[in-house]
């Protein structure tokens, strides 16, 4: 899954959404195996099969694969709010001190314009709205078939 957040480039949402993707690994019963099969281990264990064989396997297993995708989407949805909340916290930890710094400077330095402080406030509000509307979307499906050695 990838996190999609359609925001203007000027807001630089990518600075705060540090999860470029969310990986879900499930078995045929829908149990979560993310912790057991990390990406490196999974890639090392994976072997290639001929394209026609893969197409045939997917054709036969399509109903089960569709069901597992639905379960994976539910698992991803559970993690979506945590990812969004973390992105908002990260954004606030970057922009809030800057806003406070400018506010303190404005009290002693008349060259600090109120527009600069207002801009940071508006940026925070906009980023919060865009981040809250971010959605996970299915990017790729990888089917693994376990065989006995």
N, C-alpha and C. Protein backbone atom coordinates (compact mmCIF):
# COMPACT_ATOMS: atom_id res chain seq x y z
N UNK A 1 0.85 -1.17 0.00
CA UNK A 1 0.00 0.00 0.00
C UNK A 1 0.89 1.23 0.00
N UNK A 2 0.43 2.26 -0.67
CA UNK A 2 1.13 3.54 -0.63
C UNK A 2 0.18 4.58 -0.06
N UNK A 3 0.76 5.58 0.60
CA UNK A 3 -0.03 6.66 1.17
C UNK A 3 -0.13 7.76 0.14
N UNK A 4 -1.36 8.08 -0.26
CA UNK A 4 -1.60 9.15 -1.22
C UNK A 4 -2.16 10.36 -0.50
N UNK A 5 -1.51 11.48 -0.70
CA UNK A 5 -1.96 12.73 -0.09
C UNK A 5 -1.88 13.82 -1.15
N UNK A 6 -2.99 14.05 -1.85
CA UNK A 6 -2.96 15.04 -2.94
C UNK A 6 -2.94 16.47 -2.40
N UNK A 7 -1.75 16.97 -2.19
CA UNK A 7 -1.58 18.33 -1.67
C UNK A 7 -0.68 19.11 -2.63
N UNK A 8 -0.78 20.42 -2.61
CA UNK A 8 0.11 21.22 -3.46
C UNK A 8 1.58 20.95 -3.13
N UNK A 9 2.41 20.94 -4.15
CA UNK A 9 3.84 20.68 -3.95
C UNK A 9 4.47 21.67 -2.99
N UNK A 10 3.96 22.89 -2.96
CA UNK A 10 4.54 23.92 -2.10
C UNK A 10 4.46 23.55 -0.62
N UNK A 11 3.53 22.67 -0.25
CA UNK A 11 3.40 22.26 1.16
C UNK A 11 4.42 21.19 1.55
N UNK A 12 5.01 20.54 0.57
CA UNK A 12 6.04 19.51 0.81
C UNK A 12 5.57 18.44 1.80
N UNK A 13 4.44 17.85 1.50
CA UNK A 13 3.85 16.84 2.37
C UNK A 13 4.79 15.66 2.60
N UNK A 14 5.59 15.34 1.61
CA UNK A 14 6.52 14.22 1.72
C UNK A 14 7.51 14.35 2.86
N UNK A 15 7.76 15.55 3.31
CA UNK A 15 8.67 15.76 4.44
C UNK A 15 8.10 15.15 5.72
N UNK A 16 6.80 15.06 5.80
CA UNK A 16 6.15 14.63 7.04
C UNK A 16 5.57 13.23 6.94
N UNK A 17 5.22 12.79 5.75
CA UNK A 17 4.74 11.42 5.54
C UNK A 17 5.95 10.56 5.23
N UNK A 18 6.62 10.08 6.26
CA UNK A 18 7.85 9.34 6.01
C UNK A 18 7.62 7.88 5.63
N UNK A 19 6.39 7.41 5.68
CA UNK A 19 6.08 6.06 5.22
C UNK A 19 5.78 6.12 3.73
N UNK A 20 6.74 5.73 2.91
CA UNK A 20 6.47 5.76 1.48
C UNK A 20 5.55 4.60 1.10
N UNK A 21 5.62 3.52 1.85
CA UNK A 21 4.71 2.41 1.59
C UNK A 21 4.46 1.62 2.87
N UNK A 22 3.39 0.87 2.85
CA UNK A 22 3.01 0.01 3.96
C UNK A 22 2.92 -1.40 3.41
N UNK A 23 3.66 -2.30 3.98
CA UNK A 23 3.72 -3.67 3.50
C UNK A 23 2.91 -4.56 4.44
N UNK A 24 2.01 -5.36 3.87
CA UNK A 24 1.19 -6.29 4.63
C UNK A 24 1.47 -7.70 4.11
N UNK A 25 1.81 -8.61 5.02
CA UNK A 25 2.05 -10.01 4.65
C UNK A 25 1.04 -10.86 5.41
N UNK A 26 0.20 -11.59 4.67
CA UNK A 26 -0.80 -12.46 5.30
C UNK A 26 -0.69 -13.87 4.73
N UNK A 27 -1.18 -14.83 5.50
CA UNK A 27 -1.27 -16.19 4.97
C UNK A 27 -2.68 -16.41 4.42
N UNK A 28 -2.97 -17.64 4.02
CA UNK A 28 -4.27 -17.92 3.40
C UNK A 28 -5.43 -17.77 4.37
N UNK A 29 -5.13 -17.73 5.68
CA UNK A 29 -6.18 -17.55 6.68
C UNK A 29 -6.31 -16.09 7.10
N UNK A 30 -5.49 -15.22 6.55
CA UNK A 30 -5.56 -13.81 6.85
C UNK A 30 -4.75 -13.37 8.05
N UNK A 31 -3.91 -14.27 8.59
CA UNK A 31 -3.06 -13.91 9.72
C UNK A 31 -1.94 -12.99 9.25
N UNK A 32 -1.61 -12.02 10.08
CA UNK A 32 -0.59 -11.03 9.75
C UNK A 32 0.80 -11.61 10.03
N UNK A 33 1.68 -11.59 9.02
CA UNK A 33 3.04 -12.11 9.16
C UNK A 33 4.09 -11.04 8.86
N UNK A 34 3.75 -9.78 9.05
CA UNK A 34 4.70 -8.70 8.77
C UNK A 34 5.99 -8.84 9.58
N UNK A 35 5.85 -9.20 10.85
CA UNK A 35 7.01 -9.28 11.73
C UNK A 35 7.89 -10.49 11.40
N UNK A 36 7.29 -11.57 10.95
CA UNK A 36 8.04 -12.79 10.68
C UNK A 36 8.79 -12.70 9.36
N UNK A 37 8.13 -12.20 8.32
CA UNK A 37 8.73 -12.12 6.99
C UNK A 37 9.04 -10.67 6.65
N UNK A 38 10.23 -10.22 7.04
CA UNK A 38 10.60 -8.87 6.63
C UNK A 38 10.92 -8.90 5.13
N UNK A 39 11.04 -7.75 4.54
CA UNK A 39 11.17 -7.65 3.09
C UNK A 39 12.42 -8.36 2.56
N UNK A 40 13.54 -8.21 3.24
CA UNK A 40 14.78 -8.84 2.80
C UNK A 40 14.67 -10.35 2.84
N UNK A 41 14.15 -10.88 3.94
CA UNK A 41 14.00 -12.32 4.08
C UNK A 41 13.05 -12.88 3.02
N UNK A 42 11.97 -12.17 2.81
CA UNK A 42 10.97 -12.60 1.82
C UNK A 42 11.61 -12.66 0.43
N UNK A 43 12.38 -11.64 0.08
CA UNK A 43 13.03 -11.61 -1.23
C UNK A 43 14.06 -12.72 -1.39
N UNK A 44 14.77 -13.05 -0.31
CA UNK A 44 15.76 -14.12 -0.37
C UNK A 44 15.11 -15.48 -0.57
N UNK A 45 13.95 -15.69 0.05
CA UNK A 45 13.27 -16.97 -0.05
C UNK A 45 12.50 -17.14 -1.36
N UNK A 46 12.19 -16.04 -2.00
CA UNK A 46 11.35 -16.09 -3.20
C UNK A 46 12.12 -16.66 -4.38
N UNK A 47 11.41 -17.46 -5.15
CA UNK A 47 11.95 -17.99 -6.40
C UNK A 47 11.04 -17.59 -7.54
N UNK A 48 11.52 -17.70 -8.73
CA UNK A 48 10.74 -17.33 -9.91
C UNK A 48 10.09 -18.57 -10.51
N UNK A 49 8.90 -18.37 -11.07
CA UNK A 49 8.24 -19.42 -11.83
C UNK A 49 7.90 -18.86 -13.20
N UNK A 50 7.72 -19.73 -14.18
CA UNK A 50 7.39 -19.23 -15.52
C UNK A 50 6.11 -18.40 -15.52
N UNK A 51 6.06 -17.42 -16.40
CA UNK A 51 4.94 -16.49 -16.45
C UNK A 51 3.61 -17.21 -16.69
N UNK A 52 3.60 -18.18 -17.57
CA UNK A 52 2.35 -18.90 -17.86
C UNK A 52 1.87 -19.68 -16.63
N UNK A 53 2.81 -20.26 -15.90
CA UNK A 53 2.45 -20.98 -14.67
C UNK A 53 1.87 -20.01 -13.65
N UNK A 54 2.49 -18.85 -13.52
CA UNK A 54 2.00 -17.84 -12.57
C UNK A 54 0.59 -17.39 -12.95
N UNK A 55 0.36 -17.15 -14.22
CA UNK A 55 -0.97 -16.72 -14.67
C UNK A 55 -2.01 -17.79 -14.38
N UNK A 56 -1.65 -19.03 -14.59
CA UNK A 56 -2.57 -20.15 -14.34
C UNK A 56 -2.88 -20.26 -12.85
N UNK A 57 -1.86 -20.14 -12.01
CA UNK A 57 -2.07 -20.20 -10.56
C UNK A 57 -2.97 -19.06 -10.08
N UNK A 58 -2.73 -17.87 -10.59
CA UNK A 58 -3.53 -16.71 -10.19
C UNK A 58 -4.97 -16.88 -10.66
N UNK A 59 -5.15 -17.42 -11.85
CA UNK A 59 -6.50 -17.62 -12.37
C UNK A 59 -7.28 -18.57 -11.45
N UNK A 60 -6.65 -19.64 -11.01
CA UNK A 60 -7.33 -20.60 -10.12
C UNK A 60 -7.54 -20.04 -8.72
N UNK A 61 -6.62 -19.21 -8.26
CA UNK A 61 -6.68 -18.72 -6.88
C UNK A 61 -7.30 -17.32 -6.77
N UNK A 62 -7.78 -16.76 -7.87
CA UNK A 62 -8.28 -15.38 -7.86
C UNK A 62 -9.31 -15.11 -6.75
N UNK A 63 -10.32 -15.96 -6.53
CA UNK A 63 -11.29 -15.65 -5.46
C UNK A 63 -10.62 -15.54 -4.08
N UNK A 64 -9.70 -16.45 -3.80
CA UNK A 64 -9.00 -16.43 -2.51
C UNK A 64 -8.08 -15.21 -2.42
N UNK A 65 -7.41 -14.87 -3.51
CA UNK A 65 -6.54 -13.70 -3.54
C UNK A 65 -7.36 -12.44 -3.29
N UNK A 66 -8.52 -12.34 -3.93
CA UNK A 66 -9.39 -11.18 -3.74
C UNK A 66 -9.82 -11.06 -2.28
N UNK A 67 -10.15 -12.18 -1.67
CA UNK A 67 -10.53 -12.19 -0.25
C UNK A 67 -9.37 -11.74 0.63
N UNK A 68 -8.17 -12.22 0.33
CA UNK A 68 -6.99 -11.84 1.10
C UNK A 68 -6.65 -10.36 0.93
N UNK A 69 -6.88 -9.84 -0.27
CA UNK A 69 -6.65 -8.40 -0.50
C UNK A 69 -7.59 -7.58 0.37
N UNK A 70 -8.84 -8.02 0.48
CA UNK A 70 -9.81 -7.32 1.33
C UNK A 70 -9.34 -7.34 2.78
N UNK A 71 -8.85 -8.49 3.24
CA UNK A 71 -8.34 -8.59 4.61
C UNK A 71 -7.11 -7.71 4.81
N UNK A 72 -6.24 -7.67 3.81
CA UNK A 72 -5.05 -6.82 3.89
C UNK A 72 -5.44 -5.34 3.93
N UNK A 73 -6.48 -4.98 3.18
CA UNK A 73 -6.95 -3.60 3.21
C UNK A 73 -7.47 -3.23 4.60
N UNK A 74 -8.11 -4.17 5.27
CA UNK A 74 -8.59 -3.92 6.63
C UNK A 74 -7.42 -3.75 7.59
N UNK A 75 -6.38 -4.58 7.43
CA UNK A 75 -5.19 -4.44 8.27
C UNK A 75 -4.51 -3.09 8.02
N UNK A 76 -4.45 -2.69 6.77
CA UNK A 76 -3.83 -1.40 6.41
C UNK A 76 -4.64 -0.24 6.98
N UNK A 77 -5.96 -0.35 6.92
CA UNK A 77 -6.83 0.72 7.44
C UNK A 77 -6.60 0.94 8.93
N UNK A 78 -6.31 -0.15 9.65
CA UNK A 78 -6.05 -0.03 11.09
C UNK A 78 -4.78 0.78 11.35
N UNK A 79 -3.83 0.70 10.43
CA UNK A 79 -2.55 1.40 10.61
C UNK A 79 -2.57 2.81 10.01
N UNK A 80 -3.55 3.09 9.16
CA UNK A 80 -3.60 4.37 8.46
C UNK A 80 -3.66 5.55 9.41
N UNK A 81 -4.53 5.49 10.42
CA UNK A 81 -4.66 6.63 11.32
C UNK A 81 -3.37 6.87 12.11
N UNK A 82 -2.67 5.80 12.47
CA UNK A 82 -1.41 5.96 13.19
C UNK A 82 -0.36 6.65 12.31
N UNK A 83 -0.33 6.29 11.03
CA UNK A 83 0.61 6.91 10.10
C UNK A 83 0.28 8.39 9.94
N UNK A 84 -1.00 8.69 9.80
CA UNK A 84 -1.42 10.09 9.63
C UNK A 84 -1.12 10.90 10.90
N UNK A 85 -1.44 10.33 12.06
CA UNK A 85 -1.18 11.04 13.32
C UNK A 85 0.31 11.31 13.50
N UNK A 86 1.14 10.34 13.13
CA UNK A 86 2.59 10.53 13.23
C UNK A 86 3.06 11.63 12.29
N UNK A 87 2.50 11.67 11.09
CA UNK A 87 2.87 12.72 10.13
C UNK A 87 2.48 14.10 10.65
N UNK A 88 1.31 14.19 11.27
CA UNK A 88 0.86 15.48 11.83
C UNK A 88 1.77 15.90 12.98
N UNK A 89 2.14 14.94 13.84
CA UNK A 89 3.05 15.26 14.95
C UNK A 89 4.41 15.72 14.42
N UNK A 90 4.91 15.05 13.40
CA UNK A 90 6.19 15.44 12.81
C UNK A 90 6.11 16.85 12.25
N UNK A 91 5.04 17.13 11.53
CA UNK A 91 4.85 18.45 10.94
C UNK A 91 4.80 19.52 12.04
N UNK A 92 4.05 19.24 13.10
CA UNK A 92 3.94 20.21 14.19
C UNK A 92 5.27 20.40 14.91
N UNK A 93 6.04 19.33 15.05
CA UNK A 93 7.33 19.45 15.73
C UNK A 93 8.33 20.27 14.92
N UNK A 94 8.11 20.37 13.61
CA UNK A 94 8.98 21.18 12.76
C UNK A 94 8.48 22.62 12.70
N UNK A 95 7.18 22.80 12.44
CA UNK A 95 6.65 24.14 12.20
C UNK A 95 6.31 24.92 13.46
N UNK A 96 5.88 24.24 14.52
CA UNK A 96 5.49 24.95 15.74
C UNK A 96 6.66 25.71 16.36
N UNK A 97 7.83 25.09 16.52
CA UNK A 97 8.96 25.86 17.07
C UNK A 97 9.34 27.06 16.19
N UNK A 98 9.23 26.90 14.88
CA UNK A 98 9.53 28.01 13.97
C UNK A 98 8.54 29.15 14.18
N UNK A 99 7.28 28.80 14.33
CA UNK A 99 6.26 29.83 14.58
C UNK A 99 6.52 30.52 15.92
N UNK A 100 6.83 29.75 16.94
CA UNK A 100 7.11 30.33 18.25
C UNK A 100 8.35 31.22 18.22
N UNK A 101 9.36 30.80 17.48
CA UNK A 101 10.59 31.58 17.34
C UNK A 101 10.30 32.92 16.68
N UNK A 102 9.54 32.87 15.57
CA UNK A 102 9.20 34.12 14.88
C UNK A 102 8.33 35.04 15.75
N UNK A 103 7.41 34.45 16.50
CA UNK A 103 6.56 35.25 17.39
C UNK A 103 7.41 35.95 18.45
N UNK A 104 8.35 35.21 19.04
CA UNK A 104 9.23 35.81 20.05
C UNK A 104 10.12 36.89 19.43
N UNK A 105 10.63 36.63 18.24
CA UNK A 105 11.46 37.62 17.55
C UNK A 105 10.67 38.87 17.21
N UNK A 106 9.41 38.69 16.82
CA UNK A 106 8.58 39.83 16.42
C UNK A 106 8.37 40.80 17.59
N UNK A 107 8.42 40.29 18.81
CA UNK A 107 8.25 41.15 19.98
C UNK A 107 9.43 42.10 20.18
N UNK A 108 10.62 41.66 19.75
CA UNK A 108 11.81 42.49 19.95
C UNK A 108 12.37 43.07 18.65
N UNK A 109 11.89 42.57 17.52
CA UNK A 109 12.41 43.02 16.23
C UNK A 109 11.25 43.41 15.33
N UNK A 110 11.16 44.66 15.02
CA UNK A 110 10.05 45.15 14.20
C UNK A 110 10.16 44.73 12.73
N UNK A 111 11.31 44.20 12.33
CA UNK A 111 11.49 43.74 10.94
C UNK A 111 10.79 42.41 10.66
N UNK A 112 10.39 41.70 11.70
CA UNK A 112 9.66 40.44 11.52
C UNK A 112 8.20 40.81 11.25
N UNK A 113 7.75 40.45 10.07
CA UNK A 113 6.38 40.81 9.67
C UNK A 113 5.38 39.79 10.19
N UNK A 114 4.21 40.27 10.50
CA UNK A 114 3.12 39.41 10.98
C UNK A 114 2.72 38.41 9.90
N UNK A 115 2.94 38.78 8.63
CA UNK A 115 2.60 37.89 7.51
C UNK A 115 3.41 36.60 7.55
N UNK A 116 4.66 36.69 8.03
CA UNK A 116 5.50 35.49 8.12
C UNK A 116 4.92 34.52 9.14
N UNK A 117 4.49 35.04 10.26
CA UNK A 117 3.90 34.20 11.31
C UNK A 117 2.57 33.63 10.83
N UNK A 118 1.78 34.46 10.19
CA UNK A 118 0.49 34.02 9.66
C UNK A 118 0.68 32.93 8.60
N UNK A 119 1.70 33.08 7.78
CA UNK A 119 1.97 32.09 6.73
C UNK A 119 2.26 30.71 7.35
N UNK A 120 3.05 30.68 8.41
CA UNK A 120 3.36 29.40 9.06
C UNK A 120 2.10 28.82 9.69
N UNK A 121 1.27 29.65 10.30
CA UNK A 121 0.01 29.17 10.88
C UNK A 121 -0.88 28.57 9.80
N UNK A 122 -1.01 29.28 8.69
CA UNK A 122 -1.85 28.78 7.59
C UNK A 122 -1.28 27.51 6.99
N UNK A 123 0.04 27.44 6.88
CA UNK A 123 0.68 26.23 6.36
C UNK A 123 0.38 25.05 7.27
N UNK A 124 0.47 25.25 8.57
CA UNK A 124 0.15 24.17 9.52
C UNK A 124 -1.29 23.72 9.37
N UNK A 125 -2.21 24.67 9.26
CA UNK A 125 -3.62 24.32 9.11
C UNK A 125 -3.86 23.56 7.81
N UNK A 126 -3.27 24.03 6.73
CA UNK A 126 -3.44 23.36 5.43
C UNK A 126 -2.86 21.96 5.45
N UNK A 127 -1.64 21.85 5.99
CA UNK A 127 -1.01 20.53 6.06
C UNK A 127 -1.83 19.57 6.90
N UNK A 128 -2.37 20.04 8.01
CA UNK A 128 -3.20 19.18 8.86
C UNK A 128 -4.41 18.68 8.08
N UNK A 129 -5.07 19.57 7.35
CA UNK A 129 -6.24 19.16 6.56
C UNK A 129 -5.85 18.15 5.48
N UNK A 130 -4.79 18.43 4.76
CA UNK A 130 -4.37 17.51 3.70
C UNK A 130 -3.93 16.16 4.26
N UNK A 131 -3.16 16.19 5.34
CA UNK A 131 -2.70 14.94 5.94
C UNK A 131 -3.87 14.11 6.46
N UNK A 132 -4.87 14.76 7.04
CA UNK A 132 -6.03 14.03 7.54
C UNK A 132 -6.84 13.39 6.42
N UNK A 133 -6.70 13.91 5.22
CA UNK A 133 -7.43 13.33 4.09
C UNK A 133 -6.59 12.32 3.31
N UNK A 134 -5.39 12.03 3.78
CA UNK A 134 -4.52 11.06 3.09
C UNK A 134 -5.16 9.68 3.13
N UNK A 135 -4.95 8.92 2.07
CA UNK A 135 -5.55 7.59 1.95
C UNK A 135 -4.49 6.57 1.53
N UNK A 136 -4.61 5.37 2.07
CA UNK A 136 -3.77 4.27 1.61
C UNK A 136 -4.42 3.67 0.37
N UNK A 137 -3.60 3.36 -0.62
CA UNK A 137 -4.14 2.69 -1.80
C UNK A 137 -3.26 1.50 -2.15
N UNK A 138 -3.90 0.47 -2.64
CA UNK A 138 -3.20 -0.75 -3.00
C UNK A 138 -2.29 -0.46 -4.18
N UNK A 139 -1.02 -0.77 -4.01
CA UNK A 139 -0.04 -0.49 -5.05
C UNK A 139 0.37 -1.76 -5.80
N UNK A 140 0.56 -2.85 -5.06
CA UNK A 140 1.00 -4.09 -5.70
C UNK A 140 0.59 -5.27 -4.84
N UNK A 141 0.45 -6.40 -5.49
CA UNK A 141 0.14 -7.66 -4.81
C UNK A 141 1.21 -8.66 -5.23
N UNK A 142 1.76 -9.32 -4.25
CA UNK A 142 2.76 -10.35 -4.53
C UNK A 142 2.23 -11.64 -3.92
N UNK A 143 2.07 -12.64 -4.74
CA UNK A 143 1.53 -13.93 -4.29
C UNK A 143 2.70 -14.88 -4.09
N UNK A 144 2.77 -15.46 -2.90
CA UNK A 144 3.83 -16.43 -2.60
C UNK A 144 3.18 -17.79 -2.38
N UNK A 145 3.77 -18.78 -2.99
CA UNK A 145 3.28 -20.16 -2.83
C UNK A 145 4.38 -20.93 -2.12
N UNK A 146 4.01 -21.53 -1.00
CA UNK A 146 4.97 -22.29 -0.22
C UNK A 146 4.93 -23.74 -0.68
N UNK A 147 6.10 -24.27 -0.98
CA UNK A 147 6.20 -25.68 -1.38
C UNK A 147 7.12 -26.39 -0.40
N UNK A 148 6.93 -27.67 -0.29
CA UNK A 148 7.79 -28.47 0.59
C UNK A 148 9.13 -28.69 -0.11
N UNK A 149 10.24 -28.67 0.64
CA UNK A 149 11.56 -28.87 0.02
C UNK A 149 11.76 -30.30 -0.43
